Amino acid sequence: MEPDFLIWQSHEYQQTVLAIGLNLGVALGWIALRTSLQRARLAEEKMRRCTSEFSIVMSQHFTDWRLTPAERDVAVFLVKGLSTRDIAELRGTSEGTIKAQTNAIYRKAAVTGRTQLLSTFIEDLMDDVLLPEDPQRPAPTKGAKIAAVA
């Protein structure tokens, strides 16, 4: 009778270990899911802030460059990557008009093309965050550049 008892006891130990493992797996899965959801919310919030700050920087530059409302619209479409043809269709104007407005934007912004136009905004957002730490240089305060622009 002892051998049956040992088999039964071994089986019970296996079942207990499996139950503990299953419960541990569920708990760790729940923790991983919760962490992933928190990271996703944080990333969404950072993206909203970035979008908002980018819009503020663009508006300030448009004001500084004295762009007309039509030029502002065209500049936004340029930054979004739309072609001259697409912009003309969206605005209900000719491609020649869009080209003239684009040239006026580049002239007022003192850039030679779309890439430089976009980099103007990105440089303001990035500030000096990618530069290596220099003990002589004071650390930038969060939002200092944006606050100065707004």
Protein backbone atom coordinates (compact mmCIF):
# COMPACT_ATOMS: atom_id res chain seq x y z
CA MET A 1 0.00 0.00 0.00
CA GLU A 2 2.90 2.33 0.49
CA PRO A 3 3.76 2.52 -3.22
CA ASP A 4 0.25 3.78 -4.08
CA PHE A 5 0.49 6.35 -1.31
CA LEU A 6 3.86 7.57 -2.65
CA ILE A 7 2.50 7.85 -6.18
CA TRP A 8 -0.52 9.77 -4.89
CA GLN A 9 1.70 12.05 -2.77
CA SER A 10 4.03 12.69 -5.75
CA HIS A 11 1.03 13.50 -7.91
CA GLU A 12 -0.27 15.96 -5.30
CA TYR A 13 3.13 17.70 -5.14
CA GLN A 14 3.18 18.03 -8.91
CA GLN A 15 -0.34 19.48 -8.94
CA THR A 16 0.57 21.94 -6.18
CA VAL A 17 3.71 23.10 -8.01
CA LEU A 18 1.75 23.47 -11.24
CA ALA A 19 -0.97 25.50 -9.50
CA ILE A 20 1.63 27.77 -7.91
CA GLY A 21 3.35 28.20 -11.29
CA LEU A 22 0.05 28.99 -12.99
CA ASN A 23 -0.88 31.57 -10.36
CA LEU A 24 2.58 33.11 -10.55
CA GLY A 25 2.31 33.29 -14.34
CA VAL A 26 -1.07 35.02 -14.12
CA ALA A 27 0.27 37.52 -11.58
CA LEU A 28 3.39 38.29 -13.62
CA GLY A 29 1.28 38.61 -16.78
CA TRP A 30 -1.02 41.08 -15.03
CA ILE A 31 1.98 43.11 -13.83
CA ALA A 32 3.46 43.13 -17.34
CA LEU A 33 0.14 44.22 -18.85
CA ARG A 34 -0.27 47.00 -16.29
CA THR A 35 3.28 48.22 -16.93
CA SER A 36 2.71 48.18 -20.69
CA LEU A 37 -0.51 50.18 -20.33
CA GLN A 38 1.25 52.74 -18.11
CA ARG A 39 4.07 53.10 -20.65
CA ALA A 40 1.55 53.52 -23.47
CA ARG A 41 -0.27 56.27 -21.55
CA LEU A 42 3.02 58.01 -20.82
CA ALA A 43 4.06 57.81 -24.49
CA GLU A 44 0.69 59.23 -25.58
CA GLU A 45 1.04 62.11 -23.12
CA LYS A 46 4.56 62.88 -24.33
CA MET A 47 3.32 62.82 -27.91
CA ARG A 48 0.47 65.22 -27.08
CA ARG A 49 2.93 67.59 -25.39
CA CYS A 50 5.32 67.38 -28.32
CA THR A 51 2.54 68.07 -30.81
CA SER A 52 1.36 71.03 -28.77
CA GLU A 53 4.86 72.48 -28.41
CA PHE A 54 5.58 71.94 -32.10
CA SER A 55 2.42 73.85 -32.95
CA ILE A 56 3.44 76.70 -30.63
CA VAL A 57 6.91 76.88 -32.19
CA MET A 58 5.45 76.88 -35.71
CA SER A 59 2.94 79.61 -34.88
CA GLN A 60 5.64 81.78 -33.35
CA HIS A 61 7.87 81.41 -36.41
CA PHE A 62 4.96 82.14 -38.73
CA THR A 63 4.31 85.34 -36.79
CA ASP A 64 8.00 86.30 -36.76
CA TRP A 65 8.23 85.70 -40.51
CA ARG A 66 5.01 87.68 -41.08
CA LEU A 67 3.39 84.96 -43.16
CA THR A 68 -0.03 85.65 -44.60
CA PRO A 69 -2.86 83.29 -43.61
CA ALA A 70 -2.58 81.56 -47.01
CA GLU A 71 1.20 81.19 -46.58
CA ARG A 72 0.64 79.76 -43.09
CA ASP A 73 -1.68 77.11 -44.53
CA VAL A 74 0.79 76.24 -47.27
CA ALA A 75 3.67 76.11 -44.76
CA VAL A 76 1.75 73.66 -42.59
CA PHE A 77 1.08 71.45 -45.61
CA LEU A 78 4.76 71.66 -46.59
CA VAL A 79 5.82 70.55 -43.11
CA LYS A 80 3.33 67.68 -43.32
CA GLY A 81 5.04 66.56 -46.53
CA LEU A 82 2.31 67.21 -49.08
CA SER A 83 3.29 67.80 -52.69
CA THR A 84 2.65 71.07 -54.52
CA ARG A 85 -0.10 69.36 -56.51
CA ASP A 86 -1.79 68.03 -53.36
CA ILE A 87 -1.63 71.43 -51.65
CA ALA A 88 -3.11 73.11 -54.73
CA GLU A 89 -5.99 70.61 -54.79
CA LEU A 90 -6.67 71.03 -51.07
CA ARG A 91 -6.62 74.83 -51.30
CA GLY A 92 -8.49 74.99 -54.60
CA THR A 93 -5.76 77.00 -56.31
CA SER A 94 -3.26 76.45 -59.09
CA GLU A 95 0.13 74.83 -58.62
CA GLY A 96 1.70 78.10 -59.78
CA THR A 97 0.07 79.95 -56.88
CA ILE A 98 1.33 77.33 -54.41
CA LYS A 99 4.85 77.54 -55.89
CA ALA A 100 4.79 81.34 -55.51
CA GLN A 101 3.58 81.04 -51.92
CA THR A 102 6.20 78.37 -51.21
CA ASN A 103 8.97 80.61 -52.54
CA ALA A 104 7.66 83.49 -50.41
CA ILE A 105 7.69 81.24 -47.33
CA TYR A 106 11.26 80.10 -48.01
CA ARG A 107 12.38 83.69 -48.57
CA LYS A 108 10.73 84.98 -45.39
CA ALA A 109 12.09 82.04 -43.38
CA ALA A 110 15.56 82.47 -44.91
CA VAL A 111 15.73 78.80 -45.96
CA THR A 112 16.34 77.14 -49.30
CA GLY A 113 13.85 74.29 -49.11
CA ARG A 114 11.40 72.14 -47.26
CA THR A 115 14.05 70.25 -45.30
CA GLN A 116 15.55 73.44 -43.90
CA LEU A 117 12.08 74.76 -43.10
CA LEU A 118 11.27 71.67 -41.07
CA SER A 119 14.66 71.64 -39.36
CA THR A 120 14.05 75.21 -38.19
CA PHE A 121 11.15 74.00 -36.05
CA ILE A 122 12.87 70.83 -34.90
CA GLU A 123 15.97 72.71 -33.77
CA ASP A 124 13.84 74.92 -31.54
CA LEU A 125 12.12 71.92 -29.98
CA MET A 126 15.30 69.93 -29.42
CA ASP A 127 17.28 72.86 -28.03
CA ASP A 128 20.54 71.37 -26.79
CA VAL A 129 19.22 68.06 -25.46
CA LEU A 130 21.50 65.98 -27.69
CA LEU A 131 24.68 67.85 -26.81
CA PRO A 132 26.97 66.15 -24.29
CA GLU A 133 26.87 67.52 -20.76
CA ASP A 134 29.23 70.42 -20.22
CA PRO A 135 29.80 71.41 -16.59
CA GLN A 136 30.36 75.05 -17.68
CA ARG A 137 27.01 75.23 -19.47
CA PRO A 138 23.96 75.66 -17.22
CA ALA A 139 21.33 72.98 -17.56
CA PRO A 140 18.33 74.13 -19.60
CA THR A 141 15.15 74.46 -17.61
CA LYS A 142 12.19 72.46 -18.84
CA GLY A 143 10.07 74.49 -21.23
CA ALA A 144 12.40 77.54 -21.09
CA LYS A 145 12.70 77.77 -24.86
CA ILE A 146 8.96 77.37 -25.37
CA ALA A 147 8.11 79.86 -22.63
CA ALA A 148 10.44 82.40 -24.20
CA VAL A 149 8.79 81.88 -27.59
CA ALA A 150 5.20 82.01 -26.36
